[in-house]
Amino acid sequence: MEELLTAATTGILRHIAAEEVSKERERKEEERRQAEEERLKQERELVLTQLSQGLATELTELVVTECVRETCSQELKSAVETDQRVRMARCCEDVCAHLVDLFLGEEIFQTAKETLQELQCFCKYLQRWREAVAARKKLRRQMRAFPAAPCCVDMNDRLRALVPSAECPIAEENLAKGLLDLGHAGTVGISCTRLRWLRNKTAHQMKVQHFYKQLLRILANWLQVKFMGGDGSVGDMSSEAGGIQTLALFHALSSKGDQTVAVNVCIKVGENPVYLLL
């Protein structure tokens, strides 16, 4: 009996011991697995942290580099624009100064040229005035010495100019040009202004009379066509002495207040201006 109890107890103890060993083994295995998972988790977190720090560092470096590049680009662009504006302003100033110099030089040249031309004209006019004064003085001296002598004649040709040498008869071409050849005394210009004016006035009057006559012929024809017949005519066209023709006769009655007035109209035409008889 004791052996059976011992055997049963031993079996139970073995079974319990095996279960405990198995549980202990499972517990240790679970602890080992949890420790391994914890270690892997820590390692993974450490790796992730390191990667995050590395990525953050790289991103920071990239952002800083990009910001620095953009800032440098903006500063360079601003510096280039400022330099361009400065150079453009300097070039504009240089060009303006050059243009002003050219303009002032041209204006000074033109002013000097105009002044020189005016001085030359003044000198020329002064010389002509002096020559005219000298010629007048010479003419006065000549007239005092010999009043009948021709003017502005050389001293050597004075006697020759007194000899009658004018053309006779006067050439028509010279007369048409308004020139009169005095021979040794020279050529004199003559004016036919009044004669030309009278001739032009006569020609104008003849043209006016011609067109006036044409207008009267046209007006007479128009009156003949208009008044040769129509309502209110009391007789045919009749011819009278002097070439006067009766175009139309009209009779009408009109009332003026309490009175009745008879209106008679007679239209005649002739070779002379139109007659209108009422």
C-alpha atoms as a PDB file:
ATOM      1  CA  MET A   1       0.000   0.000   0.000  1.00  0.00           C
ATOM      2  CA  GLU A   2       2.755   2.351   0.910  1.00  0.00           C
ATOM      3  CA  GLU A   3       4.494   1.486  -2.300  1.00  0.00           C
ATOM      4  CA  LEU A   4       1.395   2.351  -4.254  1.00  0.00           C
ATOM      5  CA  LEU A   5       1.056   5.623  -2.385  1.00  0.00           C
ATOM      6  CA  THR A   6       4.697   6.267  -2.892  1.00  0.00           C
ATOM      7  CA  ALA A   7       4.438   5.427  -6.562  1.00  0.00           C
ATOM      8  CA  ALA A   8       1.269   7.515  -6.945  1.00  0.00           C
ATOM      9  CA  THR A   9       2.803  10.365  -5.006  1.00  0.00           C
ATOM     10  CA  THR A  10       5.966  10.082  -7.026  1.00  0.00           C
ATOM     11  CA  GLY A  11       3.968  10.086 -10.255  1.00  0.00           C
ATOM     12  CA  ILE A  12       1.929  13.061  -9.111  1.00  0.00           C
ATOM     13  CA  LEU A  13       5.061  14.869  -7.994  1.00  0.00           C
ATOM     14  CA  ARG A  14       6.740  14.076 -11.296  1.00  0.00           C
ATOM     15  CA  HIS A  15       3.714  15.280 -13.176  1.00  0.00           C
ATOM     16  CA  ILE A  16       3.547  18.435 -11.060  1.00  0.00           C
ATOM     17  CA  ALA A  17       7.309  18.907 -11.366  1.00  0.00           C
ATOM     18  CA  ALA A  18       7.104  18.429 -15.130  1.00  0.00           C
ATOM     19  CA  GLU A  19       4.266  20.938 -15.344  1.00  0.00           C
ATOM     20  CA  GLU A  20       6.143  23.387 -13.150  1.00  0.00           C
ATOM     21  CA  VAL A  21       9.294  22.889 -15.196  1.00  0.00           C
ATOM     22  CA  SER A  22       7.298  23.306 -18.361  1.00  0.00           C
ATOM     23  CA  LYS A  23       5.617  26.431 -16.988  1.00  0.00           C
ATOM     24  CA  GLU A  24       8.952  27.754 -15.774  1.00  0.00           C
ATOM     25  CA  ARG A  25      10.467  27.010 -19.145  1.00  0.00           C
ATOM     26  CA  GLU A  26       7.559  28.751 -20.869  1.00  0.00           C
ATOM     27  CA  ARG A  27       7.823  31.668 -18.457  1.00  0.00           C
ATOM     28  CA  LYS A  28      11.537  32.005 -19.089  1.00  0.00           C
ATOM     29  CA  GLU A  29      10.949  31.599 -22.770  1.00  0.00           C
ATOM     30  CA  GLU A  30       8.289  34.320 -22.574  1.00  0.00           C
ATOM     31  CA  GLU A  31      10.608  36.534 -20.558  1.00  0.00           C
ATOM     32  CA  ARG A  32      13.376  35.889 -23.058  1.00  0.00           C
ATOM     33  CA  ARG A  33      10.999  36.661 -25.920  1.00  0.00           C
ATOM     34  CA  GLN A  34       9.747  39.823 -24.223  1.00  0.00           C
ATOM     35  CA  ALA A  35      13.322  40.839 -23.445  1.00  0.00           C
ATOM     36  CA  GLU A  36      14.246  40.173 -27.069  1.00  0.00           C
ATOM     37  CA  GLU A  37      11.227  42.149 -28.278  1.00  0.00           C
ATOM     38  CA  GLU A  38      12.078  44.954 -25.867  1.00  0.00           C
ATOM     39  CA  ARG A  39      15.643  44.904 -27.082  1.00  0.00           C
ATOM     40  CA  LEU A  40      14.526  44.896 -30.710  1.00  0.00           C
ATOM     41  CA  LYS A  41      12.044  47.650 -29.942  1.00  0.00           C
ATOM     42  CA  GLN A  42      14.735  49.719 -28.260  1.00  0.00           C
ATOM     43  CA  GLU A  43      17.122  49.025 -31.097  1.00  0.00           C
ATOM     44  CA  ARG A  44      14.410  49.957 -33.616  1.00  0.00           C
ATOM     45  CA  GLU A  45      13.585  53.106 -31.678  1.00  0.00           C
ATOM     46  CA  LEU A  46      17.277  53.906 -31.471  1.00  0.00           C
ATOM     47  CA  VAL A  47      17.679  53.346 -35.198  1.00  0.00           C
ATOM     48  CA  LEU A  48      14.561  55.415 -35.892  1.00  0.00           C
ATOM     49  CA  THR A  49      15.840  58.139 -33.594  1.00  0.00           C
ATOM     50  CA  GLN A  50      19.207  58.116 -35.307  1.00  0.00           C
ATOM     51  CA  LEU A  51      17.545  58.110 -38.726  1.00  0.00           C
ATOM     52  CA  SER A  52      15.219  60.908 -37.648  1.00  0.00           C
ATOM     53  CA  GLN A  53      18.118  62.918 -36.332  1.00  0.00           C
ATOM     54  CA  GLY A  54      20.069  62.253 -39.526  1.00  0.00           C
ATOM     55  CA  LEU A  55      17.110  63.156 -41.721  1.00  0.00           C
ATOM     56  CA  ALA A  56      16.385  66.228 -39.613  1.00  0.00           C
ATOM     57  CA  THR A  57      20.028  67.255 -39.890  1.00  0.00           C
ATOM     58  CA  GLU A  58      20.014  66.697 -43.659  1.00  0.00           C
ATOM     59  CA  LEU A  59      16.702  68.518 -44.064  1.00  0.00           C
ATOM     60  CA  THR A  60      17.971  71.366 -41.921  1.00  0.00           C
ATOM     61  CA  GLU A  61      21.126  71.540 -43.987  1.00  0.00           C
ATOM     62  CA  LEU A  62      19.070  71.439 -47.206  1.00  0.00           C
ATOM     63  CA  VAL A  63      16.678  74.136 -45.966  1.00  0.00           C
ATOM     64  CA  VAL A  64      19.541  76.297 -44.759  1.00  0.00           C
ATOM     65  CA  THR A  65      21.393  75.752 -48.036  1.00  0.00           C
ATOM     66  CA  GLU A  66      18.272  76.587 -50.057  1.00  0.00           C
ATOM     67  CA  CYS A  67      17.589  79.676 -47.933  1.00  0.00           C
ATOM     68  CA  VAL A  68      21.200  80.762 -48.269  1.00  0.00           C
ATOM     69  CA  ARG A  69      21.083  80.124 -52.032  1.00  0.00           C
ATOM     70  CA  GLU A  70      17.804  82.036 -52.402  1.00  0.00           C
ATOM     71  CA  THR A  71      19.087  84.872 -50.229  1.00  0.00           C
ATOM     72  CA  CYS A  72      22.310  84.993 -52.223  1.00  0.00           C
ATOM     73  CA  SER A  73      20.337  84.931 -55.490  1.00  0.00           C
ATOM     74  CA  GLN A  74      18.085  87.764 -54.326  1.00  0.00           C
ATOM     75  CA  GLU A  75      21.030  89.775 -53.067  1.00  0.00           C
ATOM     76  CA  LEU A  76      22.908  89.136 -56.309  1.00  0.00           C
ATOM     77  CA  LYS A  77      19.853  90.117 -58.359  1.00  0.00           C
ATOM     78  CA  SER A  78      19.373  93.235 -56.259  1.00  0.00           C
ATOM     79  CA  ALA A  79      23.056  94.077 -56.590  1.00  0.00           C
ATOM     80  CA  VAL A  80      22.911  93.531 -60.378  1.00  0.00           C
ATOM     81  CA  GLU A  81      19.786  95.695 -60.690  1.00  0.00           C
ATOM     82  CA  THR A  82      21.352  98.387 -58.530  1.00  0.00           C
ATOM     83  CA  ASP A  83      24.516  98.234 -60.613  1.00  0.00           C
ATOM     84  CA  GLN A  84      22.466  98.413 -63.828  1.00  0.00           C
ATOM     85  CA  ARG A  85      20.522 101.403 -62.529  1.00  0.00           C
ATOM     86  CA  VAL A  86      23.721 103.107 -61.466  1.00  0.00           C
ATOM     87  CA  ARG A  87      25.385 102.394 -64.807  1.00  0.00           C
ATOM     88  CA  MET A  88      22.242 103.454 -66.702  1.00  0.00           C
ATOM     89  CA  ALA A  89      22.053 106.677 -64.713  1.00  0.00           C
ATOM     90  CA  ARG A  90      25.760 107.280 -65.313  1.00  0.00           C
ATOM     91  CA  CYS A  91      25.350 106.515 -69.023  1.00  0.00           C
ATOM     92  CA  CYS A  92      22.287 108.788 -69.192  1.00  0.00           C
ATOM     93  CA  GLU A  93      24.246 111.541 -67.515  1.00  0.00           C
ATOM     94  CA  ASP A  94      27.137 111.026 -69.925  1.00  0.00           C
ATOM     95  CA  VAL A  95      24.814 110.921 -72.946  1.00  0.00           C
ATOM     96  CA  CYS A  96      22.908 113.981 -71.721  1.00  0.00           C
ATOM     97  CA  ALA A  97      26.144 115.819 -71.112  1.00  0.00           C
ATOM     98  CA  HIS A  98      27.362 114.818 -74.583  1.00  0.00           C
ATOM     99  CA  LEU A  99      24.079 115.886 -76.195  1.00  0.00           C
ATOM    100  CA  VAL A 100      24.116 119.154 -74.268  1.00  0.00           C
ATOM    101  CA  ASP A 101      27.690 119.738 -75.416  1.00  0.00           C
ATOM    102  CA  LEU A 102      26.704 118.975 -79.020  1.00  0.00           C
ATOM    103  CA  PHE A 103      23.619 121.191 -78.765  1.00  0.00           C
ATOM    104  CA  LEU A 104      25.554 124.027 -77.181  1.00  0.00           C
ATOM    105  CA  GLY A 105      28.306 123.632 -79.756  1.00  0.00           C
ATOM    106  CA  GLU A 106      25.763 123.656 -82.599  1.00  0.00           C
ATOM    107  CA  GLU A 107      23.919 126.622 -81.107  1.00  0.00           C
ATOM    108  CA  ILE A 108      27.161 128.501 -80.572  1.00  0.00           C
ATOM    109  CA  PHE A 109      28.211 127.672 -84.132  1.00  0.00           C
ATOM    110  CA  GLN A 110      24.842 128.758 -85.551  1.00  0.00           C
ATOM    111  CA  THR A 111      24.862 131.919 -83.446  1.00  0.00           C
ATOM    112  CA  ALA A 112      28.397 132.708 -84.526  1.00  0.00           C
ATOM    113  CA  LYS A 113      27.480 131.928 -88.138  1.00  0.00           C
ATOM    114  CA  GLU A 114      24.379 134.132 -88.021  1.00  0.00           C
ATOM    115  CA  THR A 115      26.344 136.883 -86.303  1.00  0.00           C
ATOM    116  CA  LEU A 116      29.059 136.595 -88.941  1.00  0.00           C
ATOM    117  CA  GLN A 117      26.454 136.679 -91.720  1.00  0.00           C
ATOM    118  CA  GLU A 118      24.822 139.711 -90.145  1.00  0.00           C
ATOM    119  CA  LEU A 119      28.212 141.378 -89.844  1.00  0.00           C
ATOM    120  CA  GLN A 120      28.959 140.528 -93.469  1.00  0.00           C
ATOM    121  CA  CYS A 121      25.568 141.889 -94.549  1.00  0.00           C
ATOM    122  CA  PHE A 122      26.152 144.973 -92.426  1.00  0.00           C
ATOM    123  CA  CYS A 123      29.583 145.437 -93.967  1.00  0.00           C
ATOM    124  CA  LYS A 124      28.092 144.878 -97.429  1.00  0.00           C
ATOM    125  CA  TYR A 125      25.278 147.366 -96.780  1.00  0.00           C
ATOM    126  CA  LEU A 126      27.756 149.803 -95.288  1.00  0.00           C
ATOM    127  CA  GLN A 127      29.964 149.416 -98.348  1.00  0.00           C
ATOM    128  CA  ARG A 128      26.965 149.934-100.644  1.00  0.00           C
ATOM    129  CA  TRP A 129      25.909 152.940 -98.609  1.00  0.00           C
ATOM    130  CA  ARG A 130      29.401 154.360 -98.871  1.00  0.00           C
ATOM    131  CA  GLU A 131      29.418 153.692-102.621  1.00  0.00           C
ATOM    132  CA  ALA A 132      25.985 155.315-102.948  1.00  0.00           C
ATOM    133  CA  VAL A 133      27.137 158.325-100.935  1.00  0.00           C
ATOM    134  CA  ALA A 134      30.286 158.547-103.036  1.00  0.00           C
ATOM    135  CA  ALA A 135      28.223 158.259-106.242  1.00  0.00           C
ATOM    136  CA  ARG A 136      25.858 160.995-105.038  1.00  0.00           C
ATOM    137  CA  LYS A 137      28.762 163.240-104.147  1.00  0.00           C
ATOM    138  CA  LYS A 138      30.323 162.521-107.526  1.00  0.00           C
ATOM    139  CA  LEU A 139      26.997 163.248-109.250  1.00  0.00           C
ATOM    140  CA  ARG A 140      26.663 166.509-107.359  1.00  0.00           C
ATOM    141  CA  ARG A 141      30.167 167.519-108.357  1.00  0.00           C
ATOM    142  CA  GLN A 142      29.426 166.547-111.967  1.00  0.00           C
ATOM    143  CA  MET A 143      26.153 168.482-111.963  1.00  0.00           C
ATOM    144  CA  ARG A 144      27.905 171.521-110.508  1.00  0.00           C
ATOM    145  CA  ALA A 145      30.628 171.270-113.149  1.00  0.00           C
ATOM    146  CA  PHE A 146      28.334 170.520-116.119  1.00  0.00           C
ATOM    147  CA  PRO A 147      24.599 170.152-115.344  1.00  0.00           C
ATOM    148  CA  ALA A 148      23.742 168.862-118.840  1.00  0.00           C
ATOM    149  CA  ALA A 149      26.272 166.044-118.674  1.00  0.00           C
ATOM    150  CA  PRO A 150      24.925 162.484-118.313  1.00  0.00           C
ATOM    151  CA  CYS A 151      25.175 160.921-114.896  1.00  0.00           C
ATOM    152  CA  CYS A 152      27.320 157.959-113.865  1.00  0.00           C
ATOM    153  CA  VAL A 153      29.566 158.150-116.940  1.00  0.00           C
ATOM    154  CA  ASP A 154      33.266 157.535-116.913  1.00  0.00           C
ATOM    155  CA  MET A 155      35.452 160.620-117.164  1.00  0.00           C
ATOM    156  CA  ASN A 156      37.043 159.317-120.360  1.00  0.00           C
ATOM    157  CA  ASP A 157      33.653 158.705-122.048  1.00  0.00           C
ATOM    158  CA  ARG A 158      31.935 161.920-120.947  1.00  0.00           C
ATOM    159  CA  LEU A 159      32.390 163.719-124.278  1.00  0.00           C
ATOM    160  CA  ARG A 160      31.515 160.566-126.217  1.00  0.00           C
ATOM    161  CA  ALA A 161      28.268 160.215-124.225  1.00  0.00           C
ATOM    162  CA  LEU A 162      27.204 163.726-125.271  1.00  0.00           C
ATOM    163  CA  VAL A 163      27.196 162.742-128.946  1.00  0.00           C
ATOM    164  CA  PRO A 164      23.623 161.887-130.146  1.00  0.00           C
ATOM    165  CA  SER A 165      23.596 158.116-130.505  1.00  0.00           C
ATOM    166  CA  ALA A 166      20.112 156.976-129.413  1.00  0.00           C
ATOM    167  CA  GLU A 167      18.447 154.363-131.610  1.00  0.00           C
ATOM    168  CA  CYS A 168      15.938 155.619-134.127  1.00  0.00           C
ATOM    169  CA  PRO A 169      13.441 154.183-134.662  1.00  0.00           C
ATOM    170  CA  ILE A 170      12.999 152.411-131.345  1.00  0.00           C
ATOM    171  CA  ALA A 171      13.156 148.618-131.638  1.00  0.00           C
ATOM    172  CA  GLU A 172       9.881 146.882-130.792  1.00  0.00           C
ATOM    173  CA  GLU A 173      11.564 144.090-128.811  1.00  0.00           C
ATOM    174  CA  ASN A 174      13.302 146.646-126.563  1.00  0.00           C
ATOM    175  CA  LEU A 175      10.062 148.584-126.158  1.00  0.00           C
ATOM    176  CA  ALA A 176       8.249 145.358-125.252  1.00  0.00           C
ATOM    177  CA  LYS A 177      10.909 144.721-122.606  1.00  0.00           C
ATOM    178  CA  GLY A 178      10.557 148.282-121.280  1.00  0.00           C
ATOM    179  CA  LEU A 179      14.065 149.326-122.348  1.00  0.00           C
ATOM    180  CA  LEU A 180      15.203 152.421-124.236  1.00  0.00           C
ATOM    181  CA  ASP A 181      18.674 152.433-125.792  1.00  0.00           C
ATOM    182  CA  LEU A 182      20.298 155.882-125.489  1.00  0.00           C
ATOM    183  CA  GLY A 183      23.431 154.837-127.329  1.00  0.00           C
ATOM    184  CA  HIS A 184      26.616 156.094-125.666  1.00  0.00           C
ATOM    185  CA  ALA A 185      24.641 157.317-122.651  1.00  0.00           C
ATOM    186  CA  GLY A 186      23.513 153.770-121.798  1.00  0.00           C
ATOM    187  CA  THR A 187      20.138 152.068-121.489  1.00  0.00           C
ATOM    188  CA  VAL A 188      17.124 153.466-119.643  1.00  0.00           C
ATOM    189  CA  GLY A 189      14.205 151.410-118.342  1.00  0.00           C
ATOM    190  CA  ILE A 190      10.725 152.732-119.106  1.00  0.00           C
ATOM    191  CA  SER A 191       7.436 151.752-117.491  1.00  0.00           C
ATOM    192  CA  CYS A 192       4.101 151.281-119.262  1.00  0.00           C
ATOM    193  CA  THR A 193       2.124 150.496-116.129  1.00  0.00           C
ATOM    194  CA  ARG A 194      -0.755 152.899-116.822  1.00  0.00           C
ATOM    195  CA  LEU A 195      -1.059 151.787-120.435  1.00  0.00           C
ATOM    196  CA  ARG A 196      -1.081 148.123-119.338  1.00  0.00           C
ATOM    197  CA  TRP A 197      -3.675 148.931-116.672  1.00  0.00           C
ATOM    198  CA  LEU A 198      -5.939 150.675-119.201  1.00  0.00           C
ATOM    199  CA  ARG A 199      -5.571 147.768-121.624  1.00  0.00           C
ATOM    200  CA  ASN A 200      -6.418 145.200-118.945  1.00  0.00           C
ATOM    201  CA  LYS A 201      -9.381 147.297-117.766  1.00  0.00           C
ATOM    202  CA  THR A 202     -10.744 147.583-121.331  1.00  0.00           C
ATOM    203  CA  ALA A 203     -10.355 143.832-121.896  1.00  0.00           C
ATOM    204  CA  HIS A 204     -12.146 143.136-118.600  1.00  0.00           C
ATOM    205  CA  GLN A 205     -15.043 145.435-119.529  1.00  0.00           C
ATOM    206  CA  MET A 206     -15.362 143.766-122.938  1.00  0.00           C
ATOM    207  CA  LYS A 207     -15.479 140.330-121.265  1.00  0.00           C
ATOM    208  CA  VAL A 208     -18.107 141.537-118.785  1.00  0.00           C
ATOM    209  CA  GLN A 209     -20.279 142.958-121.587  1.00  0.00           C
ATOM    210  CA  HIS A 210     -19.908 139.748-123.600  1.00  0.00           C
ATOM    211  CA  PHE A 211     -20.983 137.505-120.727  1.00  0.00           C
ATOM    212  CA  TYR A 212     -23.760 139.971-119.827  1.00  0.00           C
ATOM    213  CA  LYS A 213     -25.173 139.693-123.349  1.00  0.00           C
ATOM    214  CA  GLN A 214     -24.976 135.898-123.217  1.00  0.00           C
ATOM    215  CA  LEU A 215     -26.813 135.926-119.881  1.00  0.00           C
ATOM    216  CA  LEU A 216     -29.567 138.163-121.358  1.00  0.00           C
ATOM    217  CA  ARG A 217     -29.971 135.758-124.389  1.00  0.00           C
ATOM    218  CA  ILE A 218     -30.290 132.809-121.968  1.00  0.00           C
ATOM    219  CA  LEU A 219     -32.752 134.680-119.727  1.00  0.00           C
ATOM    220  CA  ALA A 220     -34.876 135.678-122.741  1.00  0.00           C
ATOM    221  CA  ASN A 221     -35.043 132.062-123.935  1.00  0.00           C
ATOM    222  CA  TRP A 222     -36.005 130.911-120.449  1.00  0.00           C
ATOM    223  CA  LEU A 223     -38.789 133.490-120.254  1.00  0.00           C
ATOM    224  CA  GLN A 224     -40.076 132.485-123.677  1.00  0.00           C
ATOM    225  CA  VAL A 225     -40.190 128.816-122.690  1.00  0.00           C
ATOM    226  CA  LYS A 226     -41.828 129.630-119.349  1.00  0.00           C
ATOM    227  CA  PHE A 227     -44.461 132.163-120.443  1.00  0.00           C
ATOM    228  CA  MET A 228     -45.350 131.161-124.002  1.00  0.00           C
ATOM    229  CA  GLY A 229     -48.410 129.248-122.815  1.00  0.00           C
ATOM    230  CA  GLY A 230     -50.189 127.940-119.740  1.00  0.00           C
ATOM    231  CA  ASP A 231     -53.153 128.490-117.476  1.00  0.00           C
ATOM    232  CA  GLY A 232     -54.318 132.122-117.222  1.00  0.00           C
ATOM    233  CA  SER A 233     -53.049 133.119-120.706  1.00  0.00           C
ATOM    234  CA  VAL A 234     -55.556 135.225-122.642  1.00  0.00           C
ATOM    235  CA  GLY A 235     -53.828 135.458-125.980  1.00  0.00           C
ATOM    236  CA  ASP A 236     -51.086 134.089-128.180  1.00  0.00           C
ATOM    237  CA  MET A 237     -47.603 135.556-128.356  1.00  0.00           C
ATOM    238  CA  SER A 238     -47.622 138.660-130.542  1.00  0.00           C
ATOM    239  CA  SER A 239     -44.794 140.690-132.016  1.00  0.00           C
ATOM    240  CA  GLU A 240     -44.631 144.464-131.781  1.00  0.00           C
ATOM    241  CA  ALA A 241     -42.419 147.161-133.190  1.00  0.00           C
ATOM    242  CA  GLY A 242     -38.796 147.276-132.087  1.00  0.00           C
ATOM    243  CA  GLY A 243     -38.470 143.488-131.782  1.00  0.00           C
ATOM    244  CA  ILE A 244     -40.466 143.349-128.526  1.00  0.00           C
ATOM    245  CA  GLN A 245     -42.596 140.210-128.115  1.00  0.00           C
ATOM    246  CA  THR A 246     -45.483 139.707-125.701  1.00  0.00           C
ATOM    247  CA  LEU A 247     -44.970 136.431-123.882  1.00  0.00           C
ATOM    248  CA  ALA A 248     -48.083 136.308-121.681  1.00  0.00           C
ATOM    249  CA  LEU A 249     -51.055 138.305-120.422  1.00  0.00           C
ATOM    250  CA  PHE A 250     -52.635 137.530-117.072  1.00  0.00           C
ATOM    251  CA  HIS A 251     -55.864 138.883-115.544  1.00  0.00           C
ATOM    252  CA  ALA A 252     -56.946 138.260-111.969  1.00  0.00           C
ATOM    253  CA  LEU A 253     -59.399 139.716-109.449  1.00  0.00           C
ATOM    254  CA  SER A 254     -58.428 140.348-105.859  1.00  0.00           C
ATOM    255  CA  SER A 255     -60.432 141.666-102.933  1.00  0.00           C
ATOM    256  CA  LYS A 256     -59.078 144.359-100.674  1.00  0.00           C
ATOM    257  CA  GLY A 257     -61.473 144.975 -97.857  1.00  0.00           C
ATOM    258  CA  ASP A 258     -64.885 145.748 -99.402  1.00  0.00           C
ATOM    259  CA  GLN A 259     -63.380 146.607-102.795  1.00  0.00           C
ATOM    260  CA  THR A 260     -62.572 144.345-105.731  1.00  0.00           C
ATOM    261  CA  VAL A 261     -59.260 145.090-107.451  1.00  0.00           C
ATOM    262  CA  ALA A 262     -58.375 143.904-110.967  1.00  0.00           C
ATOM    263  CA  VAL A 263     -54.740 142.858-111.458  1.00  0.00           C
ATOM    264  CA  ASN A 264     -53.358 142.767-115.019  1.00  0.00           C
ATOM    265  CA  VAL A 265     -49.870 141.366-115.758  1.00  0.00           C
ATOM    266  CA  CYS A 266     -48.129 141.718-119.125  1.00  0.00           C
ATOM    267  CA  ILE A 267     -44.717 140.137-119.742  1.00  0.00           C
ATOM    268  CA  LYS A 268     -42.739 141.189-122.807  1.00  0.00           C
ATOM    269  CA  VAL A 269     -39.262 140.382-124.100  1.00  0.00           C
ATOM    270  CA  GLY A 270     -37.097 142.105-126.668  1.00  0.00           C
ATOM    271  CA  GLU A 271     -33.564 142.287-127.986  1.00  0.00           C
ATOM    272  CA  ASN A 272     -32.722 144.677-125.159  1.00  0.00           C
ATOM    273  CA  PRO A 273     -33.174 143.896-121.441  1.00  0.00           C
ATOM    274  CA  VAL A 274     -36.454 142.263-120.380  1.00  0.00           C
ATOM    275  CA  TYR A 275     -39.471 144.492-119.722  1.00  0.00           C
ATOM    276  CA  LEU A 276     -41.955 143.656-117.003  1.00  0.00           C
ATOM    277  CA  LEU A 277     -45.142 145.686-117.204  1.00  0.00           C
ATOM    278  CA  LEU A 278     -47.812 145.576-114.494  1.00  0.00           C
END
